[in-house]
């Protein structure tokens, strides 16, 4: 009898087929996470949207004139 190894089913989102996407992430303290979560609630948005807004605003302030492309286009 031949035994074949079992593979675990991938959980979460399916893998992105288009390899042109990049993933950004960074570690934060619990205090920072609580702070940014409060900002998201006040903004009535999502964490991703809040970060998108902040990066676009900061880029304009430092002289980047063109609008950011769609993050997930």
N, C-alpha and C. Protein backbone atom coordinates (compact mmCIF):
# COMPACT_ATOMS: atom_id res chain seq x y z
N UNK A 1 0.85 -1.18 0.00
CA UNK A 1 0.00 0.00 0.00
C UNK A 1 0.89 1.24 0.00
N UNK A 2 0.64 2.15 -0.94
CA UNK A 2 1.44 3.36 -1.05
C UNK A 2 0.73 4.50 -0.33
N UNK A 3 1.47 5.21 0.51
CA UNK A 3 0.91 6.33 1.27
C UNK A 3 1.31 7.62 0.56
N UNK A 4 0.34 8.47 0.30
CA UNK A 4 0.63 9.77 -0.31
C UNK A 4 0.51 10.85 0.75
N UNK A 5 1.40 11.81 0.73
CA UNK A 5 1.32 12.88 1.73
C UNK A 5 0.07 13.72 1.53
N UNK A 6 -0.50 14.13 2.63
CA UNK A 6 -1.68 14.99 2.56
C UNK A 6 -1.23 16.44 2.62
N UNK A 7 -1.91 17.27 1.86
CA UNK A 7 -1.62 18.70 1.92
C UNK A 7 -2.75 19.39 2.65
N UNK A 8 -2.40 20.38 3.40
CA UNK A 8 -3.42 21.15 4.12
C UNK A 8 -4.13 22.07 3.15
N UNK A 9 -5.42 22.22 3.34
CA UNK A 9 -6.19 23.14 2.52
C UNK A 9 -5.80 24.57 2.91
N UNK A 10 -5.63 25.39 1.91
CA UNK A 10 -5.29 26.80 2.16
C UNK A 10 -6.52 27.52 2.70
N UNK A 11 -6.33 28.23 3.79
CA UNK A 11 -7.43 29.00 4.37
C UNK A 11 -7.28 30.46 3.99
N UNK A 12 -8.33 31.22 4.15
CA UNK A 12 -8.28 32.64 3.86
C UNK A 12 -8.54 32.93 2.39
N UNK A 13 -8.00 34.05 1.94
CA UNK A 13 -8.20 34.47 0.56
C UNK A 13 -7.48 33.54 -0.41
N UNK A 14 -8.04 33.38 -1.59
CA UNK A 14 -7.32 32.58 -2.59
C UNK A 14 -6.06 33.31 -3.03
N UNK A 15 -5.07 32.57 -3.46
CA UNK A 15 -3.82 33.18 -3.92
C UNK A 15 -4.09 34.04 -5.15
N UNK A 16 -3.38 35.14 -5.23
CA UNK A 16 -3.51 36.04 -6.36
C UNK A 16 -2.80 35.42 -7.56
N UNK A 17 -3.52 35.33 -8.66
CA UNK A 17 -2.94 34.74 -9.87
C UNK A 17 -2.01 35.72 -10.57
N UNK A 18 -2.33 37.01 -10.52
CA UNK A 18 -1.53 38.04 -11.17
C UNK A 18 -0.37 38.39 -10.25
N UNK A 19 0.83 38.00 -10.61
CA UNK A 19 1.99 38.20 -9.75
C UNK A 19 2.51 39.64 -9.74
N UNK A 20 1.80 40.56 -10.43
CA UNK A 20 2.24 41.96 -10.41
C UNK A 20 1.82 42.66 -9.12
N UNK A 21 0.97 42.03 -8.32
CA UNK A 21 0.57 42.63 -7.04
C UNK A 21 1.68 42.46 -6.01
N UNK A 22 1.80 43.41 -5.13
CA UNK A 22 2.74 43.37 -4.01
C UNK A 22 1.93 43.49 -2.73
N UNK A 23 2.41 42.91 -1.67
CA UNK A 23 1.75 43.00 -0.37
C UNK A 23 2.61 43.86 0.55
N UNK A 24 1.96 44.83 1.18
CA UNK A 24 2.63 45.67 2.17
C UNK A 24 2.06 45.34 3.54
N UNK A 25 2.91 45.34 4.53
CA UNK A 25 2.45 45.09 5.89
C UNK A 25 3.48 45.60 6.87
N UNK A 26 3.05 45.94 8.04
CA UNK A 26 4.00 46.36 9.06
C UNK A 26 3.44 46.05 10.44
N UNK A 27 4.37 45.82 11.35
CA UNK A 27 4.03 45.49 12.73
C UNK A 27 3.75 46.76 13.51
N UNK A 28 2.75 46.72 14.36
CA UNK A 28 2.42 47.86 15.21
C UNK A 28 2.20 47.38 16.64
N UNK A 29 2.37 48.30 17.57
CA UNK A 29 2.11 47.98 18.97
C UNK A 29 0.60 47.92 19.20
N UNK A 30 0.22 47.36 20.31
CA UNK A 30 -1.21 47.31 20.66
C UNK A 30 -1.78 48.70 20.80
N UNK A 31 -1.00 49.62 21.38
CA UNK A 31 -1.46 50.99 21.56
C UNK A 31 -1.69 51.67 20.21
N UNK A 32 -0.77 51.45 19.25
CA UNK A 32 -0.93 52.03 17.92
C UNK A 32 -2.15 51.44 17.23
N UNK A 33 -2.33 50.13 17.34
CA UNK A 33 -3.48 49.47 16.73
C UNK A 33 -4.78 50.04 17.30
N UNK A 34 -4.85 50.22 18.61
CA UNK A 34 -6.04 50.81 19.23
C UNK A 34 -6.29 52.22 18.71
N UNK A 35 -5.22 53.00 18.58
CA UNK A 35 -5.32 54.37 18.11
C UNK A 35 -5.84 54.42 16.66
N UNK A 36 -5.25 53.62 15.79
CA UNK A 36 -5.67 53.65 14.39
C UNK A 36 -7.07 53.07 14.23
N UNK A 37 -7.45 52.12 15.07
CA UNK A 37 -8.81 51.58 15.04
C UNK A 37 -9.82 52.65 15.41
N UNK A 38 -9.48 53.49 16.39
CA UNK A 38 -10.35 54.62 16.74
C UNK A 38 -10.47 55.59 15.58
N UNK A 39 -9.35 55.86 14.90
CA UNK A 39 -9.38 56.76 13.75
C UNK A 39 -10.27 56.20 12.64
N UNK A 40 -10.21 54.90 12.42
CA UNK A 40 -11.06 54.26 11.41
C UNK A 40 -12.53 54.45 11.78
N UNK A 41 -12.87 54.27 13.04
CA UNK A 41 -14.26 54.41 13.49
C UNK A 41 -14.75 55.84 13.30
N UNK A 42 -13.93 56.81 13.65
CA UNK A 42 -14.31 58.21 13.50
C UNK A 42 -14.45 58.57 12.02
N UNK A 43 -13.58 58.01 11.20
CA UNK A 43 -13.61 58.27 9.76
C UNK A 43 -14.77 57.56 9.08
N UNK A 44 -15.35 56.57 9.73
CA UNK A 44 -16.45 55.81 9.14
C UNK A 44 -15.99 55.04 7.91
N UNK A 45 -14.81 54.48 8.00
CA UNK A 45 -14.17 53.87 6.84
C UNK A 45 -13.63 52.50 7.21
N UNK A 46 -12.70 52.02 6.40
CA UNK A 46 -11.97 50.80 6.70
C UNK A 46 -10.52 51.18 6.93
N UNK A 47 -9.76 50.28 7.50
CA UNK A 47 -8.34 50.54 7.71
C UNK A 47 -7.63 50.81 6.40
N UNK A 48 -7.91 49.99 5.39
CA UNK A 48 -7.27 50.19 4.08
C UNK A 48 -7.62 51.55 3.50
N UNK A 49 -8.87 51.94 3.58
CA UNK A 49 -9.31 53.23 3.03
C UNK A 49 -8.66 54.38 3.79
N UNK A 50 -8.58 54.29 5.11
CA UNK A 50 -7.96 55.34 5.90
C UNK A 50 -6.49 55.50 5.51
N UNK A 51 -5.79 54.40 5.34
CA UNK A 51 -4.38 54.45 4.94
C UNK A 51 -4.26 55.04 3.54
N UNK A 52 -5.13 54.61 2.61
CA UNK A 52 -5.12 55.16 1.25
C UNK A 52 -5.29 56.68 1.28
N UNK A 53 -6.25 57.16 2.06
CA UNK A 53 -6.51 58.59 2.15
C UNK A 53 -5.29 59.33 2.72
N UNK A 54 -4.72 58.79 3.77
CA UNK A 54 -3.58 59.45 4.42
C UNK A 54 -2.36 59.50 3.51
N UNK A 55 -2.08 58.41 2.80
CA UNK A 55 -0.93 58.38 1.90
C UNK A 55 -1.13 59.35 0.75
N UNK A 56 -2.32 59.38 0.17
CA UNK A 56 -2.60 60.30 -0.94
C UNK A 56 -2.48 61.75 -0.48
N UNK A 57 -3.00 62.07 0.69
CA UNK A 57 -2.93 63.43 1.23
C UNK A 57 -1.48 63.83 1.48
N UNK A 58 -0.71 62.93 2.07
CA UNK A 58 0.70 63.22 2.36
C UNK A 58 1.51 63.38 1.07
N UNK A 59 1.22 62.55 0.08
CA UNK A 59 1.93 62.65 -1.20
C UNK A 59 1.68 64.01 -1.86
N UNK A 60 0.42 64.47 -1.81
CA UNK A 60 0.11 65.80 -2.37
C UNK A 60 0.87 66.89 -1.62
N UNK A 61 0.94 66.76 -0.30
CA UNK A 61 1.62 67.78 0.51
C UNK A 61 3.11 67.85 0.23
N UNK A 62 3.72 66.76 -0.22
CA UNK A 62 5.16 66.79 -0.50
C UNK A 62 5.46 67.00 -1.98
N UNK A 63 4.40 67.28 -2.76
CA UNK A 63 4.61 67.67 -4.14
C UNK A 63 4.31 66.64 -5.21
N UNK A 64 3.76 65.50 -4.86
CA UNK A 64 3.36 64.52 -5.86
C UNK A 64 2.04 65.02 -6.44
N UNK A 65 2.05 65.40 -7.71
CA UNK A 65 0.87 66.03 -8.29
C UNK A 65 -0.17 65.06 -8.82
N UNK A 66 0.25 63.91 -9.33
CA UNK A 66 -0.73 62.99 -9.89
C UNK A 66 -1.41 62.18 -8.80
N UNK A 67 -2.65 61.82 -9.08
CA UNK A 67 -3.44 61.02 -8.14
C UNK A 67 -2.90 59.59 -8.11
N UNK A 68 -3.04 58.92 -6.98
CA UNK A 68 -2.55 57.54 -6.93
C UNK A 68 -3.37 56.64 -7.83
N UNK A 69 -2.73 55.63 -8.43
CA UNK A 69 -3.53 54.67 -9.20
C UNK A 69 -4.35 53.81 -8.25
N UNK A 70 -5.32 53.09 -8.80
CA UNK A 70 -6.09 52.17 -7.96
C UNK A 70 -5.13 51.19 -7.30
N UNK A 71 -5.31 50.99 -6.02
CA UNK A 71 -4.42 50.12 -5.26
C UNK A 71 -4.51 48.67 -5.70
N UNK A 72 -5.70 48.25 -6.09
CA UNK A 72 -5.88 46.84 -6.45
C UNK A 72 -6.29 46.66 -7.91
N UNK A 73 -6.01 47.65 -8.74
CA UNK A 73 -6.39 47.55 -10.16
C UNK A 73 -5.56 46.55 -10.89
